[in-house]
Amino acid sequence: MNTVISLGRIGRFIGAAVCAASLSACVTAPIAQKPAMPSMEDMLAKASQVSGSGQKEQAITLWKEAAVAYPADKTPWTNIAQTRYEAGQYGDAIVSAQEVLVRDPNDRLANSIIAISGLRLSTRALSDLSRQNNLSGSLRTESQDLAKLLRESLGETVLVPPQPAQAVTPARSNATAAKTKKGKAKADDDSSANPFNALK
């Protein structure tokens, strides 16, 4: 009877040992770890290097990745806004600069990019409207009000100063007078292409 009890205990002991060995094998199995996220400095350096080699769109993609990895940092958005502005993509530059202002409302570069890009887009649109002769009614009034506000903000009486007139000497021939008159008429035609003439 003692032998039967001993064998039962030994069987339980062996079973427990096998379970423990199985569990320890599970614990020691290698666990795949996430790769460490590169630092902001490394990501910015890589993007700047790519940008310096002329691959601007690829650099913007890298800056966007940095912006996702470090959402509170304004630096990637500043670089994107500056790159878009330099490429003449003013709408995209404004959007990126607004992302900078979400993170730092007092950023002067972002405010400058928004102001200048907005003016360039407005000038282009006013020029198109002027060329199409569609600047009338409430749109014309609103444009004049905006031009007035812009002049007051800049402290200027005229947004786009006229080209200086050449001094005319009193002693000139009829041919010279005709050329001058023709040149003045051409200058008047050129000034009509200025979208701000209608807003003065």
Protein backbone atom coordinates (compact mmCIF):
# COMPACT_ATOMS: atom_id res chain seq x y z
CA MET A 1 0.00 0.00 0.00
CA ASN A 2 2.88 2.33 0.79
CA THR A 3 4.33 1.52 -2.63
CA VAL A 4 1.10 2.56 -4.36
CA ILE A 5 1.02 5.84 -2.43
CA SER A 6 4.66 6.51 -3.30
CA LEU A 7 4.08 5.87 -6.99
CA GLY A 8 1.08 8.23 -6.95
CA ARG A 9 3.19 10.96 -5.35
CA ILE A 10 6.02 10.38 -7.77
CA GLY A 11 3.55 10.55 -10.70
CA ARG A 12 2.17 13.84 -9.46
CA PHE A 13 5.67 15.17 -8.93
CA ILE A 14 6.70 14.19 -12.46
CA GLY A 15 3.51 15.75 -13.88
CA ALA A 16 4.18 19.01 -12.01
CA ALA A 17 7.78 19.02 -13.23
CA VAL A 18 6.66 18.54 -16.83
CA CYS A 19 4.13 21.41 -16.51
CA ALA A 20 6.76 23.69 -14.97
CA ALA A 21 9.22 22.86 -17.73
CA SER A 22 6.56 23.60 -20.37
CA LEU A 23 5.70 26.92 -18.78
CA SER A 24 9.32 27.97 -18.46
CA ALA A 25 9.83 27.17 -22.15
CA CYS A 26 6.98 29.58 -22.98
CA VAL A 27 8.47 32.34 -20.88
CA THR A 28 11.93 32.08 -22.39
CA ALA A 29 10.69 32.27 -26.01
CA PRO A 30 12.03 35.44 -27.67
CA ILE A 31 9.52 38.29 -27.87
CA ALA A 32 9.69 40.51 -30.93
CA GLN A 33 10.34 44.09 -29.84
CA LYS A 34 9.32 47.20 -31.68
CA PRO A 35 12.24 48.98 -33.31
CA ALA A 36 13.21 52.12 -31.44
CA MET A 37 11.73 55.31 -32.91
CA PRO A 38 14.41 57.58 -34.35
CA SER A 39 14.91 60.89 -32.60
CA MET A 40 13.45 64.10 -33.99
CA GLU A 41 16.97 65.35 -34.75
CA ASP A 42 17.74 62.24 -36.81
CA MET A 43 14.50 62.51 -38.75
CA LEU A 44 15.02 66.22 -39.45
CA ALA A 45 18.63 65.67 -40.48
CA LYS A 46 17.63 62.96 -42.95
CA ALA A 47 14.85 65.13 -44.43
CA SER A 48 17.18 68.14 -44.70
CA GLN A 49 19.79 66.02 -46.47
CA VAL A 50 17.18 64.79 -48.97
CA SER A 51 15.90 68.35 -49.45
CA GLY A 52 19.45 69.60 -50.02
CA SER A 53 19.86 67.07 -52.82
CA GLY A 54 16.86 68.61 -54.60
CA GLN A 55 14.28 65.93 -53.77
CA LYS A 56 11.78 68.32 -52.20
CA GLU A 57 8.70 66.07 -52.33
CA GLN A 58 10.56 63.19 -50.68
CA ALA A 59 11.81 65.60 -48.00
CA ILE A 60 8.22 66.76 -47.38
CA THR A 61 7.18 63.11 -46.96
CA LEU A 62 9.95 62.65 -44.35
CA TRP A 63 8.93 65.85 -42.53
CA LYS A 64 5.33 64.62 -42.45
CA GLU A 65 6.53 61.35 -40.90
CA ALA A 66 8.39 63.37 -38.27
CA ALA A 67 5.24 65.41 -37.63
CA VAL A 68 3.27 62.21 -37.04
CA ALA A 69 5.97 60.77 -34.76
CA TYR A 70 6.31 64.02 -32.77
CA PRO A 71 2.93 65.75 -33.09
CA ALA A 72 3.67 68.54 -30.59
CA ASP A 73 6.78 69.76 -32.44
CA LYS A 74 6.35 72.60 -34.94
CA THR A 75 9.68 72.15 -36.73
CA PRO A 76 8.54 69.67 -39.39
CA TRP A 77 5.59 71.89 -40.29
CA THR A 78 7.84 74.96 -40.47
CA ASN A 79 10.09 73.15 -42.96
CA ILE A 80 7.11 72.02 -45.03
CA ALA A 81 5.61 75.54 -45.09
CA GLN A 82 8.93 77.10 -46.11
CA THR A 83 9.49 74.52 -48.87
CA ARG A 84 5.97 74.95 -50.25
CA TYR A 85 6.35 78.75 -50.18
CA GLU A 86 9.67 78.62 -52.05
CA ALA A 87 8.06 76.37 -54.67
CA GLY A 88 5.24 78.90 -55.21
CA GLN A 89 2.64 76.51 -53.79
CA TYR A 90 1.07 79.23 -51.68
CA GLY A 91 -2.14 77.43 -50.72
CA ASP A 92 -0.20 74.45 -49.33
CA ALA A 93 2.26 76.82 -47.66
CA ILE A 94 -0.62 78.52 -45.83
CA VAL A 95 -2.05 75.18 -44.65
CA SER A 96 1.33 74.05 -43.29
CA ALA A 97 1.99 77.43 -41.66
CA GLN A 98 -1.38 77.17 -39.91
CA GLU A 99 -0.21 73.84 -38.45
CA VAL A 100 2.79 75.72 -37.04
CA LEU A 101 0.49 78.32 -35.47
CA VAL A 102 -1.57 75.58 -33.81
CA ARG A 103 1.61 74.60 -31.96
CA ASP A 104 3.00 78.13 -31.52
CA PRO A 105 0.56 81.02 -32.14
CA ASN A 106 3.38 83.59 -31.94
CA ASP A 107 5.62 82.09 -34.65
CA ARG A 108 6.66 85.02 -36.84
CA LEU A 109 7.82 82.95 -39.80
CA ALA A 110 4.49 81.12 -40.02
CA ASN A 111 2.56 84.40 -39.81
CA SER A 112 4.80 85.90 -42.51
CA ILE A 113 4.31 82.92 -44.82
CA ILE A 114 0.54 83.15 -44.38
CA ALA A 115 0.47 86.91 -45.01
CA ILE A 116 2.74 86.92 -48.06
CA SER A 117 1.26 83.75 -49.58
CA GLY A 118 -2.22 85.18 -49.10
CA LEU A 119 -1.22 88.43 -50.81
CA ARG A 120 0.32 86.57 -53.72
CA LEU A 121 -2.78 84.43 -54.17
CA SER A 122 -4.98 87.54 -53.91
CA THR A 123 -2.87 89.45 -56.42
CA ARG A 124 -3.05 86.56 -58.85
CA ALA A 125 -6.82 86.27 -58.44
CA LEU A 126 -7.35 90.05 -58.79
CA SER A 127 -5.19 90.07 -61.89
CA ASP A 128 -7.28 87.28 -63.40
CA LEU A 129 -10.51 89.10 -62.51
CA SER A 130 -9.22 92.37 -63.91
CA ARG A 131 -8.19 90.64 -67.13
CA GLN A 132 -11.65 89.10 -67.43
CA ASN A 133 -13.34 92.43 -66.55
CA ASN A 134 -15.38 90.67 -63.87
CA LEU A 135 -14.38 92.87 -60.95
CA SER A 136 -17.67 94.63 -60.25
CA GLY A 137 -20.47 95.05 -57.73
CA SER A 138 -19.99 93.86 -54.17
CA LEU A 139 -16.78 92.04 -55.11
CA ARG A 140 -15.27 95.30 -56.30
CA THR A 141 -16.39 97.13 -53.13
CA GLU A 142 -14.99 94.40 -50.88
CA SER A 143 -11.71 94.40 -52.83
CA GLN A 144 -11.45 98.18 -52.45
CA ASP A 145 -12.05 97.87 -48.70
CA LEU A 146 -9.37 95.19 -48.43
CA ALA A 147 -6.93 97.27 -50.48
CA LYS A 148 -7.60 100.26 -48.20
CA LEU A 149 -6.99 98.12 -45.11
CA LEU A 150 -3.79 96.78 -46.63
CA ARG A 151 -2.57 100.29 -47.49
CA GLU A 152 -3.27 101.45 -43.93
CA SER A 153 -1.52 98.38 -42.46
CA LEU A 154 1.56 99.00 -44.60
CA GLY A 155 1.48 102.76 -44.05
CA GLU A 156 1.41 103.32 -47.82
CA THR A 157 -0.97 105.45 -49.85
CA VAL A 158 -0.49 103.27 -52.94
CA LEU A 159 -0.06 99.49 -52.90
CA VAL A 160 1.89 99.25 -56.15
CA PRO A 161 3.78 102.49 -56.83
CA PRO A 162 3.70 103.71 -60.45
CA GLN A 163 6.87 103.55 -62.51
CA PRO A 164 8.78 106.87 -62.41
CA ALA A 165 8.16 109.06 -65.47
CA GLN A 166 11.21 110.05 -67.47
CA ALA A 167 12.17 113.72 -67.43
CA VAL A 168 11.22 115.43 -70.70
CA THR A 169 13.51 118.10 -72.08
CA PRO A 170 11.79 121.15 -73.60
CA ALA A 171 13.84 121.11 -76.81
CA ARG A 172 12.74 118.02 -78.72
CA SER A 173 11.67 117.21 -82.20
CA ASN A 174 8.19 116.20 -83.31
CA ALA A 175 9.44 112.62 -83.86
CA THR A 176 10.69 112.44 -80.26
CA ALA A 177 7.38 113.84 -78.99
CA ALA A 178 5.48 111.21 -80.97
CA LYS A 179 7.68 108.43 -79.57
CA THR A 180 7.19 109.75 -76.03
CA LYS A 181 3.42 109.90 -76.52
CA LYS A 182 3.42 106.35 -77.91
CA GLY A 183 5.59 105.16 -74.98
CA LYS A 184 3.24 106.84 -72.49
CA ALA A 185 0.23 105.13 -74.08
CA LYS A 186 2.04 101.78 -73.79
CA ALA A 187 2.86 102.50 -70.13
CA ASP A 188 -0.81 103.29 -69.51
CA ASP A 189 -1.75 99.98 -71.12
CA ASP A 190 0.79 98.17 -68.93
CA SER A 191 -0.55 99.84 -65.81
CA SER A 192 -4.03 98.56 -66.65
CA ALA A 193 -2.64 95.05 -66.14
CA ASN A 194 -1.92 96.02 -62.54
CA PRO A 195 -4.81 94.50 -60.57
CA PHE A 196 -4.59 97.17 -57.89
CA ASN A 197 -5.27 100.09 -60.29
CA ALA A 198 -9.00 99.42 -60.06
CA LEU A 199 -8.78 99.49 -56.27
CA LYS A 200 -7.07 102.88 -55.81
